[in-house]
Amino acid sequence: AVIGGGLREQLVAQGLTELTDVTQAVTSSIVAPVTPPEGRYSVHMTTTLYGYNNLTFGINEQDAFVEAIAILGECETTDIQVTGVVDRSAQLHAMAVNVSYTVSYANMSLASTRASTLDAAVIGGGL
């Protein structure tokens, strides 16, 4: 899904986080993925966020992103794991990152239903 540059304003307006400039390069801002617990079903998604690069999409921004996905996906923040952040600025000719993430649910039906809801919300500009 491709998201407009309004994420920062919407997250701050909702009081989810105070976004600050990142002053150091983040060589690897993502920890290794964790396998979901037994009996959990995972949905893997990638979202493009404009207005960010690897320097500006730091830990605070990732935390705010996870909180927003939790709201849209009707789950807990502990059910979401950011698995990758790739700077796409050169390829898209605009400052942008691809954020890959996994959302885990208790059963397949819930995963399918909530994944559709989450996808529609993200595509519809819910971020």
N, C-alpha and C. Protein backbone atom coordinates (compact mmCIF):
# COMPACT_ATOMS: atom_id res chain seq x y z
N ALA A 1 0.85 -1.17 0.00
CA ALA A 1 0.00 0.00 0.00
C ALA A 1 0.89 1.23 0.00
N VAL A 2 0.47 2.28 -0.62
CA VAL A 2 1.22 3.52 -0.68
C VAL A 2 0.50 4.55 0.18
N ILE A 3 1.24 5.16 1.10
CA ILE A 3 0.67 6.09 2.05
C ILE A 3 1.18 7.49 1.75
N GLY A 4 0.32 8.48 1.88
CA GLY A 4 0.71 9.86 1.69
C GLY A 4 1.58 10.36 2.82
N GLY A 5 2.03 11.58 2.75
CA GLY A 5 2.94 12.14 3.74
C GLY A 5 2.26 12.60 5.02
N GLY A 6 0.99 12.29 5.24
CA GLY A 6 0.27 12.76 6.41
C GLY A 6 0.43 11.92 7.65
N LEU A 7 1.22 10.86 7.63
CA LEU A 7 1.36 9.97 8.78
C LEU A 7 1.85 10.74 10.01
N ARG A 8 2.87 11.53 9.85
CA ARG A 8 3.46 12.26 10.98
C ARG A 8 2.40 13.13 11.67
N GLU A 9 1.66 13.92 10.91
CA GLU A 9 0.67 14.82 11.48
C GLU A 9 -0.45 14.04 12.17
N GLN A 10 -0.91 12.96 11.54
CA GLN A 10 -1.99 12.18 12.12
C GLN A 10 -1.56 11.51 13.42
N LEU A 11 -0.35 10.96 13.47
CA LEU A 11 0.10 10.30 14.68
C LEU A 11 0.29 11.29 15.81
N VAL A 12 0.87 12.44 15.52
CA VAL A 12 1.06 13.46 16.53
C VAL A 12 -0.30 13.98 17.01
N ALA A 13 -1.24 14.19 16.07
CA ALA A 13 -2.56 14.68 16.43
C ALA A 13 -3.29 13.69 17.34
N GLN A 14 -3.04 12.41 17.16
CA GLN A 14 -3.67 11.40 17.99
C GLN A 14 -2.91 11.19 19.29
N GLY A 15 -1.82 11.91 19.48
CA GLY A 15 -1.03 11.80 20.69
C GLY A 15 -0.27 10.49 20.81
N LEU A 16 -0.03 9.82 19.67
CA LEU A 16 0.64 8.53 19.71
C LEU A 16 2.13 8.67 20.00
N THR A 17 2.74 9.75 19.54
CA THR A 17 4.16 9.92 19.76
C THR A 17 4.54 11.35 19.44
N GLU A 18 5.67 11.73 19.95
CA GLU A 18 6.26 13.00 19.55
C GLU A 18 7.43 12.65 18.64
N LEU A 19 7.31 13.01 17.39
CA LEU A 19 8.33 12.65 16.42
C LEU A 19 9.45 13.68 16.44
N THR A 20 10.67 13.19 16.48
CA THR A 20 11.83 14.07 16.49
C THR A 20 12.76 13.69 15.36
N ASP A 21 13.65 14.61 15.03
CA ASP A 21 14.63 14.32 13.98
C ASP A 21 15.64 13.32 14.49
N VAL A 22 16.07 12.46 13.62
CA VAL A 22 17.11 11.49 13.96
C VAL A 22 18.42 12.08 13.51
N THR A 23 19.41 12.12 14.41
CA THR A 23 20.66 12.78 14.07
C THR A 23 21.75 11.81 13.66
N GLN A 24 21.56 10.52 13.90
CA GLN A 24 22.57 9.56 13.52
C GLN A 24 22.01 8.60 12.49
N ALA A 25 22.88 8.12 11.66
CA ALA A 25 22.46 7.11 10.69
C ALA A 25 22.15 5.82 11.45
N VAL A 26 21.10 5.19 11.05
CA VAL A 26 20.72 3.93 11.67
C VAL A 26 21.16 2.83 10.72
N THR A 27 22.19 2.09 11.11
CA THR A 27 22.71 1.07 10.22
C THR A 27 21.76 -0.11 10.12
N SER A 28 21.16 -0.48 11.20
CA SER A 28 20.18 -1.56 11.19
C SER A 28 19.16 -1.25 12.25
N SER A 29 18.05 -0.67 11.85
CA SER A 29 17.05 -0.23 12.81
C SER A 29 16.05 -1.33 13.14
N ILE A 30 16.25 -2.50 12.56
CA ILE A 30 15.32 -3.59 12.76
C ILE A 30 16.03 -4.76 13.43
N VAL A 31 15.37 -5.33 14.43
CA VAL A 31 15.91 -6.53 15.05
C VAL A 31 15.46 -7.74 14.24
N ALA A 32 16.12 -8.86 14.46
CA ALA A 32 15.78 -10.08 13.72
C ALA A 32 14.33 -10.48 14.01
N PRO A 33 13.62 -10.95 13.00
CA PRO A 33 12.22 -11.35 13.20
C PRO A 33 12.11 -12.48 14.21
N VAL A 34 11.03 -12.44 14.96
CA VAL A 34 10.74 -13.48 15.93
C VAL A 34 9.60 -14.33 15.39
N THR A 35 9.73 -15.63 15.49
CA THR A 35 8.67 -16.52 15.03
C THR A 35 7.48 -16.39 15.95
N PRO A 36 6.26 -16.25 15.40
CA PRO A 36 5.09 -16.14 16.27
C PRO A 36 4.91 -17.40 17.10
N PRO A 37 4.31 -17.28 18.29
CA PRO A 37 4.10 -18.47 19.13
C PRO A 37 3.24 -19.52 18.41
N GLU A 38 3.38 -20.76 18.85
CA GLU A 38 2.58 -21.85 18.28
C GLU A 38 1.10 -21.49 18.31
N GLY A 39 0.40 -21.91 17.30
CA GLY A 39 -1.03 -21.67 17.25
C GLY A 39 -1.42 -20.27 16.85
N ARG A 40 -0.48 -19.46 16.37
CA ARG A 40 -0.77 -18.11 15.92
C ARG A 40 -0.68 -18.07 14.40
N TYR A 41 -1.45 -17.20 13.80
CA TYR A 41 -1.45 -17.04 12.34
C TYR A 41 -0.98 -15.63 12.03
N SER A 42 -0.05 -15.53 11.10
CA SER A 42 0.58 -14.25 10.80
C SER A 42 0.23 -13.75 9.42
N VAL A 43 0.13 -12.44 9.33
CA VAL A 43 -0.10 -11.74 8.07
C VAL A 43 1.13 -10.88 7.83
N HIS A 44 1.75 -11.01 6.66
CA HIS A 44 2.94 -10.25 6.31
C HIS A 44 2.55 -9.17 5.31
N MET A 45 2.92 -7.92 5.58
CA MET A 45 2.54 -6.81 4.71
C MET A 45 3.73 -5.88 4.54
N THR A 46 3.71 -5.10 3.45
CA THR A 46 4.70 -4.04 3.23
C THR A 46 3.94 -2.78 2.84
N THR A 47 4.32 -1.68 3.46
CA THR A 47 3.68 -0.39 3.22
C THR A 47 4.74 0.62 2.85
N THR A 48 4.49 1.45 1.86
CA THR A 48 5.40 2.53 1.48
C THR A 48 4.97 3.80 2.19
N LEU A 49 5.90 4.40 2.92
CA LEU A 49 5.64 5.66 3.61
C LEU A 49 6.49 6.75 2.98
N TYR A 50 5.85 7.77 2.45
CA TYR A 50 6.56 8.89 1.86
C TYR A 50 6.91 9.91 2.94
N GLY A 51 8.01 10.63 2.70
CA GLY A 51 8.44 11.66 3.63
C GLY A 51 9.46 11.16 4.64
N TYR A 52 9.90 9.92 4.51
CA TYR A 52 10.88 9.33 5.42
C TYR A 52 12.02 8.72 4.63
N ASN A 53 13.17 8.57 5.31
CA ASN A 53 14.27 7.76 4.80
C ASN A 53 14.81 6.98 5.98
N ASN A 54 15.90 6.25 5.80
CA ASN A 54 16.44 5.45 6.90
C ASN A 54 16.90 6.29 8.08
N LEU A 55 17.23 7.55 7.84
CA LEU A 55 17.65 8.42 8.93
C LEU A 55 16.48 8.96 9.72
N THR A 56 15.36 9.21 9.06
CA THR A 56 14.22 9.84 9.74
C THR A 56 13.17 8.86 10.21
N PHE A 57 13.23 7.59 9.79
CA PHE A 57 12.27 6.59 10.25
C PHE A 57 12.96 5.73 11.32
N GLY A 58 13.19 6.36 12.46
CA GLY A 58 13.92 5.73 13.56
C GLY A 58 13.00 4.97 14.51
N ILE A 59 13.49 4.71 15.69
CA ILE A 59 12.78 3.92 16.69
C ILE A 59 11.45 4.56 17.08
N ASN A 60 11.43 5.87 17.33
CA ASN A 60 10.19 6.54 17.71
C ASN A 60 9.14 6.44 16.61
N GLU A 61 9.58 6.62 15.36
CA GLU A 61 8.65 6.54 14.24
C GLU A 61 8.15 5.11 14.05
N GLN A 62 9.04 4.13 14.25
CA GLN A 62 8.62 2.73 14.15
C GLN A 62 7.61 2.40 15.23
N ASP A 63 7.83 2.89 16.45
CA ASP A 63 6.88 2.65 17.53
C ASP A 63 5.52 3.27 17.21
N ALA A 64 5.53 4.48 16.67
CA ALA A 64 4.27 5.14 16.29
C ALA A 64 3.58 4.37 15.17
N PHE A 65 4.36 3.87 14.22
CA PHE A 65 3.81 3.07 13.12
C PHE A 65 3.14 1.82 13.68
N VAL A 66 3.80 1.12 14.60
CA VAL A 66 3.24 -0.10 15.20
C VAL A 66 1.95 0.23 15.94
N GLU A 67 1.91 1.35 16.66
CA GLU A 67 0.70 1.74 17.37
C GLU A 67 -0.45 2.01 16.40
N ALA A 68 -0.15 2.67 15.28
CA ALA A 68 -1.18 2.95 14.29
C ALA A 68 -1.69 1.65 13.65
N ILE A 69 -0.79 0.73 13.33
CA ILE A 69 -1.20 -0.55 12.75
C ILE A 69 -2.04 -1.34 13.75
N ALA A 70 -1.69 -1.28 15.04
CA ALA A 70 -2.47 -1.98 16.07
C ALA A 70 -3.90 -1.45 16.12
N ILE A 71 -4.05 -0.14 15.99
CA ILE A 71 -5.40 0.45 15.99
C ILE A 71 -6.17 0.00 14.76
N LEU A 72 -5.53 0.11 13.59
CA LEU A 72 -6.21 -0.26 12.35
C LEU A 72 -6.46 -1.76 12.25
N GLY A 73 -5.55 -2.57 12.78
CA GLY A 73 -5.66 -4.02 12.69
C GLY A 73 -6.38 -4.66 13.87
N GLU A 74 -6.84 -3.81 14.78
CA GLU A 74 -7.59 -4.27 15.95
C GLU A 74 -6.84 -5.38 16.70
N CYS A 75 -5.60 -5.06 17.08
CA CYS A 75 -4.76 -6.01 17.80
C CYS A 75 -3.88 -5.25 18.78
N GLU A 76 -3.06 -5.98 19.50
CA GLU A 76 -2.13 -5.38 20.46
C GLU A 76 -0.82 -5.05 19.75
N THR A 77 -0.11 -4.07 20.27
CA THR A 77 1.18 -3.72 19.68
C THR A 77 2.16 -4.90 19.78
N THR A 78 1.99 -5.76 20.77
CA THR A 78 2.87 -6.92 20.92
C THR A 78 2.62 -7.97 19.85
N ASP A 79 1.52 -7.84 19.10
CA ASP A 79 1.21 -8.76 18.00
C ASP A 79 1.84 -8.32 16.69
N ILE A 80 2.52 -7.19 16.70
CA ILE A 80 3.08 -6.61 15.48
C ILE A 80 4.59 -6.55 15.59
N GLN A 81 5.24 -6.92 14.50
CA GLN A 81 6.70 -6.82 14.46
C GLN A 81 7.12 -6.21 13.13
N VAL A 82 7.88 -5.12 13.21
CA VAL A 82 8.48 -4.54 12.01
C VAL A 82 9.65 -5.44 11.64
N THR A 83 9.63 -5.96 10.41
CA THR A 83 10.64 -6.92 9.99
C THR A 83 11.66 -6.32 9.03
N GLY A 84 11.39 -5.12 8.53
CA GLY A 84 12.34 -4.49 7.62
C GLY A 84 11.95 -3.07 7.27
N VAL A 85 12.96 -2.24 7.10
CA VAL A 85 12.78 -0.87 6.61
C VAL A 85 13.80 -0.67 5.51
N VAL A 86 13.31 -0.41 4.30
CA VAL A 86 14.19 -0.24 3.14
C VAL A 86 13.98 1.15 2.56
N ASP A 87 15.06 1.88 2.44
CA ASP A 87 15.00 3.22 1.84
C ASP A 87 14.73 3.08 0.35
N ARG A 88 13.65 3.67 -0.12
CA ARG A 88 13.26 3.59 -1.53
C ARG A 88 13.38 4.94 -2.24
N SER A 89 14.04 5.89 -1.60
CA SER A 89 14.11 7.24 -2.14
C SER A 89 14.66 7.29 -3.55
N ALA A 90 15.75 6.59 -3.82
CA ALA A 90 16.36 6.63 -5.14
C ALA A 90 15.45 6.03 -6.21
N GLN A 91 14.79 4.92 -5.89
CA GLN A 91 13.93 4.24 -6.86
C GLN A 91 12.64 5.03 -7.13
N LEU A 92 12.10 5.69 -6.12
CA LEU A 92 10.82 6.38 -6.26
C LEU A 92 10.98 7.87 -6.55
N HIS A 93 12.22 8.36 -6.57
CA HIS A 93 12.52 9.77 -6.82
C HIS A 93 11.80 10.68 -5.83
N ALA A 94 11.59 10.18 -4.62
CA ALA A 94 11.00 10.95 -3.53
C ALA A 94 11.44 10.27 -2.23
N MET A 95 11.52 11.03 -1.15
CA MET A 95 11.91 10.43 0.12
C MET A 95 10.83 9.44 0.55
N ALA A 96 11.20 8.16 0.67
CA ALA A 96 10.23 7.12 1.02
C ALA A 96 10.94 5.89 1.55
N VAL A 97 10.23 5.15 2.42
CA VAL A 97 10.72 3.86 2.91
C VAL A 97 9.62 2.82 2.73
N ASN A 98 10.05 1.59 2.47
CA ASN A 98 9.14 0.45 2.50
C ASN A 98 9.27 -0.16 3.89
N VAL A 99 8.16 -0.28 4.59
CA VAL A 99 8.15 -0.87 5.92
C VAL A 99 7.46 -2.22 5.82
N SER A 100 8.20 -3.29 6.11
CA SER A 100 7.63 -4.63 6.12
C SER A 100 7.32 -4.99 7.57
N TYR A 101 6.17 -5.64 7.77
CA TYR A 101 5.78 -5.98 9.13
C TYR A 101 4.91 -7.22 9.13
N THR A 102 4.84 -7.84 10.30
CA THR A 102 4.05 -9.04 10.50
C THR A 102 3.07 -8.78 11.64
N VAL A 103 1.81 -9.19 11.43
CA VAL A 103 0.79 -9.09 12.47
C VAL A 103 0.32 -10.51 12.76
N SER A 104 0.34 -10.89 14.04
CA SER A 104 -0.06 -12.24 14.44
C SER A 104 -1.44 -12.21 15.10
N TYR A 105 -2.24 -13.20 14.75
CA TYR A 105 -3.59 -13.35 15.32
C TYR A 105 -3.76 -14.76 15.87
N ALA A 106 -4.76 -14.93 16.74
CA ALA A 106 -4.98 -16.19 17.44
C ALA A 106 -5.48 -17.31 16.53
N ASN A 107 -6.24 -16.97 15.49
CA ASN A 107 -6.75 -18.02 14.61
C ASN A 107 -6.81 -17.55 13.16
N MET A 108 -6.97 -18.48 12.26
CA MET A 108 -6.92 -18.18 10.83
C MET A 108 -8.07 -17.27 10.39
N SER A 109 -9.24 -17.50 10.91
CA SER A 109 -10.39 -16.68 10.54
C SER A 109 -10.17 -15.23 10.92
N LEU A 110 -9.72 -15.02 12.15
CA LEU A 110 -9.44 -13.67 12.63
C LEU A 110 -8.33 -13.03 11.80
N ALA A 111 -7.29 -13.78 11.50
CA ALA A 111 -6.18 -13.26 10.69
C ALA A 111 -6.68 -12.81 9.32
N SER A 112 -7.51 -13.62 8.69
CA SER A 112 -8.03 -13.30 7.36
C SER A 112 -8.92 -12.05 7.39
N THR A 113 -9.84 -12.02 8.34
CA THR A 113 -10.77 -10.89 8.45
C THR A 113 -10.03 -9.60 8.77
N ARG A 114 -9.16 -9.64 9.77
CA ARG A 114 -8.45 -8.43 10.19
C ARG A 114 -7.43 -7.99 9.15
N ALA A 115 -6.84 -8.94 8.42
CA ALA A 115 -5.90 -8.57 7.36
C ALA A 115 -6.61 -7.79 6.27
N SER A 116 -7.80 -8.22 5.91
CA SER A 116 -8.59 -7.49 4.89
C SER A 116 -8.94 -6.09 5.39
N THR A 117 -9.34 -6.01 6.65
CA THR A 117 -9.68 -4.71 7.24
C THR A 117 -8.46 -3.80 7.28
N LEU A 118 -7.34 -4.35 7.71
CA LEU A 118 -6.11 -3.58 7.80
C LEU A 118 -5.66 -3.11 6.42
N ASP A 119 -5.70 -3.98 5.44
CA ASP A 119 -5.31 -3.64 4.07
C ASP A 119 -6.18 -2.50 3.54
N ALA A 120 -7.48 -2.61 3.73
CA ALA A 120 -8.41 -1.58 3.25
C ALA A 120 -8.15 -0.25 3.95
N ALA A 121 -7.87 -0.29 5.26
CA ALA A 121 -7.61 0.93 6.01
C ALA A 121 -6.32 1.60 5.56
N VAL A 122 -5.28 0.81 5.32
CA VAL A 122 -3.99 1.37 4.90
C VAL A 122 -4.11 1.93 3.49
N ILE A 123 -4.72 1.18 2.57
CA ILE A 123 -4.89 1.66 1.20
C ILE A 123 -5.78 2.90 1.16
N GLY A 124 -6.79 2.93 2.04
CA GLY A 124 -7.71 4.06 2.09
C GLY A 124 -7.16 5.29 2.78
N GLY A 125 -5.89 5.25 3.19
CA GLY A 125 -5.28 6.41 3.81
C GLY A 125 -5.45 6.46 5.31
N GLY A 126 -5.76 5.33 5.94
CA GLY A 126 -5.95 5.28 7.38
C GLY A 126 -4.72 5.62 8.18
N LEU A 127 -3.53 5.51 7.57
CA LEU A 127 -2.31 5.91 8.28
C LEU A 127 -2.20 7.39 8.12
